[in-house]
Amino acid sequence: MPSFEQSLKKLEAIVDKLEKGDLPLEESLKLFEEGVALSSTCKQELEEAEGKVDQLIKQRDGSLKREPFPPME
């Protein structure tokens, strides 16, 4: 299974090819389908990573408390 970075790089290459607009329709559809799958995979990996990220909050007594990282809006 490719890494997140490899998937993202492949997705960027697909977007570049599709933006040029000089591909036959069948090849464009194939690339689009691959891009959608890569996008979904990258999104899932990002959501999993986001769930693992914690922040440490310093309490008044000097101790540290873990809290979920606030979601991005």
PDB file of N, CA and C in Angstrom:
ATOM      1  N   MET A   1       0.848  -1.183   0.000  1.00  0.00           N
ATOM      2  CA  MET A   1       0.000   0.000   0.000  1.00  0.00           C
ATOM      3  C   MET A   1       0.888   1.239   0.000  1.00  0.00           C
ATOM      4  N   PRO A   2       0.630   2.170  -0.906  1.00  0.00           N
ATOM      5  CA  PRO A   2       1.459   3.382  -0.964  1.00  0.00           C
ATOM      6  C   PRO A   2       1.244   4.258   0.262  1.00  0.00           C
ATOM      7  N   SER A   3       2.269   5.050   0.565  1.00  0.00           N
ATOM      8  CA  SER A   3       2.169   5.977   1.686  1.00  0.00           C
ATOM      9  C   SER A   3       1.237   7.130   1.323  1.00  0.00           C
ATOM     10  N   PHE A   4       0.867   7.892   2.344  1.00  0.00           N
ATOM     11  CA  PHE A   4       0.023   9.065   2.112  1.00  0.00           C
ATOM     12  C   PHE A   4       0.686  10.013   1.115  1.00  0.00           C
ATOM     13  N   GLU A   5       1.974  10.230   1.306  1.00  0.00           N
ATOM     14  CA  GLU A   5       2.705  11.152   0.439  1.00  0.00           C
ATOM     15  C   GLU A   5       2.727  10.662  -1.005  1.00  0.00           C
ATOM     16  N   GLN A   6       2.911   9.356  -1.198  1.00  0.00           N
ATOM     17  CA  GLN A   6       2.921   8.793  -2.547  1.00  0.00           C
ATOM     18  C   GLN A   6       1.542   8.934  -3.195  1.00  0.00           C
ATOM     19  N   SER A   7       0.495   8.655  -2.424  1.00  0.00           N
ATOM     20  CA  SER A   7      -0.870   8.788  -2.941  1.00  0.00           C
ATOM     21  C   SER A   7      -1.176  10.229  -3.315  1.00  0.00           C
ATOM     22  N   LEU A   8      -0.764  11.156  -2.475  1.00  0.00           N
ATOM     23  CA  LEU A   8      -1.008  12.569  -2.750  1.00  0.00           C
ATOM     24  C   LEU A   8      -0.259  13.023  -3.999  1.00  0.00           C
ATOM     25  N   LYS A   9       0.965  12.574  -4.147  1.00  0.00           N
ATOM     26  CA  LYS A   9       1.758  12.937  -5.327  1.00  0.00           C
ATOM     27  C   LYS A   9       1.113  12.393  -6.601  1.00  0.00           C
ATOM     28  N   LYS A  10       0.625  11.156  -6.547  1.00  0.00           N
ATOM     29  CA  LYS A  10      -0.049  10.546  -7.691  1.00  0.00           C
ATOM     30  C   LYS A  10      -1.327  11.307  -8.004  1.00  0.00           C
ATOM     31  N   LEU A  11      -2.068  11.694  -6.969  1.00  0.00           N
ATOM     32  CA  LEU A  11      -3.297  12.464  -7.165  1.00  0.00           C
ATOM     33  C   LEU A  11      -2.997  13.802  -7.827  1.00  0.00           C
ATOM     34  N   GLU A  12      -1.942  14.465  -7.393  1.00  0.00           N
ATOM     35  CA  GLU A  12      -1.556  15.745  -8.002  1.00  0.00           C
ATOM     36  C   GLU A  12      -1.193  15.569  -9.473  1.00  0.00           C
ATOM     37  N   ALA A  13      -0.514  14.468  -9.803  1.00  0.00           N
ATOM     38  CA  ALA A  13      -0.150  14.201 -11.195  1.00  0.00           C
ATOM     39  C   ALA A  13      -1.398  13.971 -12.046  1.00  0.00           C
ATOM     40  N   ILE A  14      -2.374  13.272 -11.485  1.00  0.00           N
ATOM     41  CA  ILE A  14      -3.628  13.025 -12.200  1.00  0.00           C
ATOM     42  C   ILE A  14      -4.360  14.337 -12.451  1.00  0.00           C
ATOM     43  N   VAL A  15      -4.420  15.187 -11.437  1.00  0.00           N
ATOM     44  CA  VAL A  15      -5.096  16.484 -11.590  1.00  0.00           C
ATOM     45  C   VAL A  15      -4.409  17.306 -12.677  1.00  0.00           C
ATOM     46  N   ASP A  16      -3.079  17.313 -12.685  1.00  0.00           N
ATOM     47  CA  ASP A  16      -2.347  18.055 -13.719  1.00  0.00           C
ATOM     48  C   ASP A  16      -2.706  17.552 -15.116  1.00  0.00           C
ATOM     49  N   LYS A  17      -2.746  16.229 -15.283  1.00  0.00           N
ATOM     50  CA  LYS A  17      -3.080  15.654 -16.599  1.00  0.00           C
ATOM     51  C   LYS A  17      -4.499  16.020 -17.007  1.00  0.00           C
ATOM     52  N   LEU A  18      -5.427  15.935 -16.062  1.00  0.00           N
ATOM     53  CA  LEU A  18      -6.820  16.243 -16.384  1.00  0.00           C
ATOM     54  C   LEU A  18      -7.025  17.721 -16.682  1.00  0.00           C
ATOM     55  N   GLU A  19      -6.286  18.585 -16.000  1.00  0.00           N
ATOM     56  CA  GLU A  19      -6.437  20.025 -16.230  1.00  0.00           C
ATOM     57  C   GLU A  19      -5.962  20.440 -17.617  1.00  0.00           C
ATOM     58  N   LYS A  20      -5.021  19.694 -18.171  1.00  0.00           N
ATOM     59  CA  LYS A  20      -4.537  20.018 -19.522  1.00  0.00           C
ATOM     60  C   LYS A  20      -5.636  19.835 -20.554  1.00  0.00           C
ATOM     61  N   GLY A  21      -6.511  18.856 -20.324  1.00  0.00           N
ATOM     62  CA  GLY A  21      -7.667  18.674 -21.205  1.00  0.00           C
ATOM     63  C   GLY A  21      -7.373  18.080 -22.558  1.00  0.00           C
ATOM     64  N   ASP A  22      -6.202  17.500 -22.764  1.00  0.00           N
ATOM     65  CA  ASP A  22      -5.862  16.963 -24.075  1.00  0.00           C
ATOM     66  C   ASP A  22      -5.888  15.434 -24.125  1.00  0.00           C
ATOM     67  N   LEU A  23      -6.591  14.810 -23.203  1.00  0.00           N
ATOM     68  CA  LEU A  23      -6.682  13.355 -23.147  1.00  0.00           C
ATOM     69  C   LEU A  23      -7.979  12.883 -23.791  1.00  0.00           C
ATOM     70  N   PRO A  24      -7.962  11.685 -24.354  1.00  0.00           N
ATOM     71  CA  PRO A  24      -9.221  11.111 -24.846  1.00  0.00           C
ATOM     72  C   PRO A  24     -10.197  10.912 -23.680  1.00  0.00           C
ATOM     73  N   LEU A  25     -11.477  10.927 -23.970  1.00  0.00           N
ATOM     74  CA  LEU A  25     -12.502  10.830 -22.947  1.00  0.00           C
ATOM     75  C   LEU A  25     -12.335   9.578 -22.094  1.00  0.00           C
ATOM     76  N   GLU A  26     -12.097   8.448 -22.717  1.00  0.00           N
ATOM     77  CA  GLU A  26     -11.969   7.198 -21.966  1.00  0.00           C
ATOM     78  C   GLU A  26     -10.804   7.245 -20.970  1.00  0.00           C
ATOM     79  N   GLU A  27      -9.676   7.795 -21.398  1.00  0.00           N
ATOM     80  CA  GLU A  27      -8.521   7.917 -20.503  1.00  0.00           C
ATOM     81  C   GLU A  27      -8.804   8.924 -19.385  1.00  0.00           C
ATOM     82  N   SER A  28      -9.501   9.999 -19.725  1.00  0.00           N
ATOM     83  CA  SER A  28      -9.863  10.995 -18.709  1.00  0.00           C
ATOM     84  C   SER A  28     -10.751  10.380 -17.642  1.00  0.00           C
ATOM     85  N   LEU A  29     -11.721   9.574 -18.055  1.00  0.00           N
ATOM     86  CA  LEU A  29     -12.612   8.927 -17.091  1.00  0.00           C
ATOM     87  C   LEU A  29     -11.852   7.948 -16.210  1.00  0.00           C
ATOM     88  N   LYS A  30     -10.924   7.206 -16.793  1.00  0.00           N
ATOM     89  CA  LYS A  30     -10.120   6.265 -16.023  1.00  0.00           C
ATOM     90  C   LYS A  30      -9.283   7.009 -14.975  1.00  0.00           C
ATOM     91  N   LEU A  31      -8.647   8.089 -15.391  1.00  0.00           N
ATOM     92  CA  LEU A  31      -7.849   8.890 -14.462  1.00  0.00           C
ATOM     93  C   LEU A  31      -8.718   9.523 -13.383  1.00  0.00           C
ATOM     94  N   PHE A  32      -9.906   9.989 -13.777  1.00  0.00           N
ATOM     95  CA  PHE A  32     -10.817  10.595 -12.809  1.00  0.00           C
ATOM     96  C   PHE A  32     -11.203   9.586 -11.731  1.00  0.00           C
ATOM     97  N   GLU A  33     -11.550   8.363 -12.150  1.00  0.00           N
ATOM     98  CA  GLU A  33     -11.912   7.311 -11.198  1.00  0.00           C
ATOM     99  C   GLU A  33     -10.753   7.007 -10.251  1.00  0.00           C
ATOM    100  N   GLU A  34      -9.554   6.926 -10.796  1.00  0.00           N
ATOM    101  CA  GLU A  34      -8.368   6.682  -9.963  1.00  0.00           C
ATOM    102  C   GLU A  34      -8.161   7.832  -8.985  1.00  0.00           C
ATOM    103  N   GLY A  35      -8.364   9.052  -9.453  1.00  0.00           N
ATOM    104  CA  GLY A  35      -8.209  10.228  -8.601  1.00  0.00           C
ATOM    105  C   GLY A  35      -9.214  10.256  -7.464  1.00  0.00           C
ATOM    106  N   VAL A  36     -10.462   9.877  -7.748  1.00  0.00           N
ATOM    107  CA  VAL A  36     -11.489   9.836  -6.705  1.00  0.00           C
ATOM    108  C   VAL A  36     -11.100   8.809  -5.642  1.00  0.00           C
ATOM    109  N   ALA A  37     -10.614   7.652  -6.075  1.00  0.00           N
ATOM    110  CA  ALA A  37     -10.203   6.618  -5.117  1.00  0.00           C
ATOM    111  C   ALA A  37      -9.025   7.102  -4.276  1.00  0.00           C
ATOM    112  N   LEU A  38      -8.050   7.737  -4.904  1.00  0.00           N
ATOM    113  CA  LEU A  38      -6.897   8.263  -4.173  1.00  0.00           C
ATOM    114  C   LEU A  38      -7.321   9.347  -3.195  1.00  0.00           C
ATOM    115  N   SER A  39      -8.224  10.205  -3.624  1.00  0.00           N
ATOM    116  CA  SER A  39      -8.719  11.278  -2.764  1.00  0.00           C
ATOM    117  C   SER A  39      -9.403  10.698  -1.532  1.00  0.00           C
ATOM    118  N   SER A  40     -10.200   9.670  -1.731  1.00  0.00           N
ATOM    119  CA  SER A  40     -10.889   9.026  -0.619  1.00  0.00           C
ATOM    120  C   SER A  40      -9.888   8.393   0.349  1.00  0.00           C
ATOM    121  N   THR A  41      -8.874   7.732  -0.183  1.00  0.00           N
ATOM    122  CA  THR A  41      -7.848   7.112   0.647  1.00  0.00           C
ATOM    123  C   THR A  41      -7.101   8.165   1.455  1.00  0.00           C
ATOM    124  N   CYS A  42      -6.704   9.258   0.799  1.00  0.00           N
ATOM    125  CA  CYS A  42      -5.978  10.330   1.492  1.00  0.00           C
ATOM    126  C   CYS A  42      -6.838  10.949   2.582  1.00  0.00           C
ATOM    127  N   LYS A  43      -8.121  11.169   2.287  1.00  0.00           N
ATOM    128  CA  LYS A  43      -9.021  11.756   3.275  1.00  0.00           C
ATOM    129  C   LYS A  43      -9.144  10.853   4.496  1.00  0.00           C
ATOM    130  N   GLN A  44      -9.274   9.559   4.260  1.00  0.00           N
ATOM    131  CA  GLN A  44      -9.399   8.612   5.366  1.00  0.00           C
ATOM    132  C   GLN A  44      -8.132   8.608   6.220  1.00  0.00           C
ATOM    133  N   GLU A  45      -6.969   8.624   5.567  1.00  0.00           N
ATOM    134  CA  GLU A  45      -5.714   8.647   6.319  1.00  0.00           C
ATOM    135  C   GLU A  45      -5.582   9.924   7.141  1.00  0.00           C
ATOM    136  N   LEU A  46      -5.984  11.053   6.579  1.00  0.00           N
ATOM    137  CA  LEU A  46      -5.926  12.317   7.315  1.00  0.00           C
ATOM    138  C   LEU A  46      -6.863  12.294   8.519  1.00  0.00           C
ATOM    139  N   GLU A  47      -8.044  11.750   8.344  1.00  0.00           N
ATOM    140  CA  GLU A  47      -8.992  11.675   9.454  1.00  0.00           C
ATOM    141  C   GLU A  47      -8.461  10.774  10.569  1.00  0.00           C
ATOM    142  N   GLU A  48      -7.815   9.661  10.188  1.00  0.00           N
ATOM    143  CA  GLU A  48      -7.227   8.775  11.192  1.00  0.00           C
ATOM    144  C   GLU A  48      -6.094   9.479  11.935  1.00  0.00           C
ATOM    145  N   ALA A  49      -5.261  10.197  11.203  1.00  0.00           N
ATOM    146  CA  ALA A  49      -4.151  10.910  11.829  1.00  0.00           C
ATOM    147  C   ALA A  49      -4.674  12.003  12.757  1.00  0.00           C
ATOM    148  N   GLU A  50      -5.695  12.708  12.324  1.00  0.00           N
ATOM    149  CA  GLU A  50      -6.279  13.772  13.132  1.00  0.00           C
ATOM    150  C   GLU A  50      -6.804  13.211  14.449  1.00  0.00           C
ATOM    151  N   GLY A  51      -7.394  12.018  14.382  1.00  0.00           N
ATOM    152  CA  GLY A  51      -7.912  11.399  15.591  1.00  0.00           C
ATOM    153  C   GLY A  51      -6.816  10.999  16.564  1.00  0.00           C
ATOM    154  N   LYS A  52      -5.614  10.777  16.070  1.00  0.00           N
ATOM    155  CA  LYS A  52      -4.500  10.370  16.921  1.00  0.00           C
ATOM    156  C   LYS A  52      -3.762  11.556  17.543  1.00  0.00           C
ATOM    157  N   VAL A  53      -3.977  12.717  16.968  1.00  0.00           N
ATOM    158  CA  VAL A  53      -3.256  13.896  17.447  1.00  0.00           C
ATOM    159  C   VAL A  53      -3.913  14.405  18.730  1.00  0.00           C
ATOM    160  N   ASP A  54      -3.121  14.487  19.748  1.00  0.00           N
ATOM    161  CA  ASP A  54      -3.588  15.037  21.023  1.00  0.00           C
ATOM    162  C   ASP A  54      -2.780  16.284  21.327  1.00  0.00           C
ATOM    163  N   GLN A  55      -3.361  17.101  22.120  1.00  0.00           N
ATOM    164  CA  GLN A  55      -2.597  18.248  22.612  1.00  0.00           C
ATOM    165  C   GLN A  55      -2.519  18.139  24.129  1.00  0.00           C
ATOM    166  N   LEU A  56      -1.442  18.598  24.647  1.00  0.00           N
ATOM    167  CA  LEU A  56      -1.260  18.591  26.098  1.00  0.00           C
ATOM    168  C   LEU A  56      -1.632  19.964  26.643  1.00  0.00           C
ATOM    169  N   ILE A  57      -2.499  19.960  27.618  1.00  0.00           N
ATOM    170  CA  ILE A  57      -2.961  21.199  28.236  1.00  0.00           C
ATOM    171  C   ILE A  57      -2.370  21.266  29.639  1.00  0.00           C
ATOM    172  N   LYS A  58      -1.701  22.343  29.937  1.00  0.00           N
ATOM    173  CA  LYS A  58      -1.121  22.512  31.265  1.00  0.00           C
ATOM    174  C   LYS A  58      -2.218  22.948  32.234  1.00  0.00           C
ATOM    175  N   GLN A  59      -2.349  22.180  33.297  1.00  0.00           N
ATOM    176  CA  GLN A  59      -3.354  22.462  34.318  1.00  0.00           C
ATOM    177  C   GLN A  59      -2.799  23.507  35.307  1.00  0.00           C
ATOM    178  N   ARG A  60      -3.665  24.062  36.078  1.00  0.00           N
ATOM    179  CA  ARG A  60      -3.256  25.077  37.058  1.00  0.00           C
ATOM    180  C   ARG A  60      -2.286  24.523  38.092  1.00  0.00           C
ATOM    181  N   ASP A  61      -2.399  23.237  38.382  1.00  0.00           N
ATOM    182  CA  ASP A  61      -1.498  22.643  39.369  1.00  0.00           C
ATOM    183  C   ASP A  61      -0.155  22.235  38.757  1.00  0.00           C
ATOM    184  N   GLY A  62       0.052  22.549  37.500  1.00  0.00           N
ATOM    185  CA  GLY A  62       1.318  22.244  36.829  1.00  0.00           C
ATOM    186  C   GLY A  62       1.338  20.910  36.120  1.00  0.00           C
ATOM    187  N   SER A  63       0.315  20.094  36.322  1.00  0.00           N
ATOM    188  CA  SER A  63       0.272  18.805  35.640  1.00  0.00           C
ATOM    189  C   SER A  63      -0.209  19.005  34.194  1.00  0.00           C
ATOM    190  N   LEU A  64       0.013  17.989  33.375  1.00  0.00           N
ATOM    191  CA  LEU A  64      -0.417  18.044  31.984  1.00  0.00           C
ATOM    192  C   LEU A  64      -1.601  17.117  31.780  1.00  0.00           C
ATOM    193  N   LYS A  65      -2.530  17.553  30.963  1.00  0.00           N
ATOM    194  CA  LYS A  65      -3.716  16.768  30.661  1.00  0.00           C
ATOM    195  C   LYS A  65      -3.836  16.651  29.150  1.00  0.00           C
ATOM    196  N   ARG A  66      -4.108  15.439  28.666  1.00  0.00           N
ATOM    197  CA  ARG A  66      -4.283  15.228  27.229  1.00  0.00           C
ATOM    198  C   ARG A  66      -5.721  15.530  26.851  1.00  0.00           C
ATOM    199  N   GLU A  67      -5.894  16.226  25.752  1.00  0.00           N
ATOM    200  CA  GLU A  67      -7.209  16.502  25.212  1.00  0.00           C
ATOM    201  C   GLU A  67      -7.161  16.299  23.701  1.00  0.00           C
ATOM    202  N   PRO A  68      -8.292  15.944  23.120  1.00  0.00           N
ATOM    203  CA  PRO A  68      -8.311  15.799  21.658  1.00  0.00           C
ATOM    204  C   PRO A  68      -7.963  17.125  20.990  1.00  0.00           C
ATOM    205  N   PHE A  69      -7.269  17.024  19.888  1.00  0.00           N
ATOM    206  CA  PHE A  69      -6.936  18.205  19.107  1.00  0.00           C
ATOM    207  C   PHE A  69      -8.231  18.770  18.529  1.00  0.00           C
ATOM    208  N   PRO A  70      -8.455  20.071  18.633  1.00  0.00           N
ATOM    209  CA  PRO A  70      -9.712  20.624  18.118  1.00  0.00           C
ATOM    210  C   PRO A  70      -9.806  20.446  16.591  1.00  0.00           C
ATOM    211  N   PRO A  71     -10.986  20.106  16.087  1.00  0.00           N
ATOM    212  CA  PRO A  71     -11.141  19.908  14.640  1.00  0.00           C
ATOM    213  C   PRO A  71     -10.963  21.211  13.882  1.00  0.00           C
ATOM    214  N   MET A  72     -10.447  21.082  12.656  1.00  0.00           N
ATOM    215  CA  MET A  72     -10.284  22.260  11.802  1.00  0.00           C
ATOM    216  C   MET A  72     -11.622  22.582  11.175  1.00  0.00           C
ATOM    217  N   GLU A  73     -11.892  23.826  11.012  1.00  0.00           N
ATOM    218  CA  GLU A  73     -13.163  24.251  10.419  1.00  0.00           C
ATOM    219  C   GLU A  73     -12.951  24.758   9.040  1.00  0.00           C
TER     220      GLU A  73
END
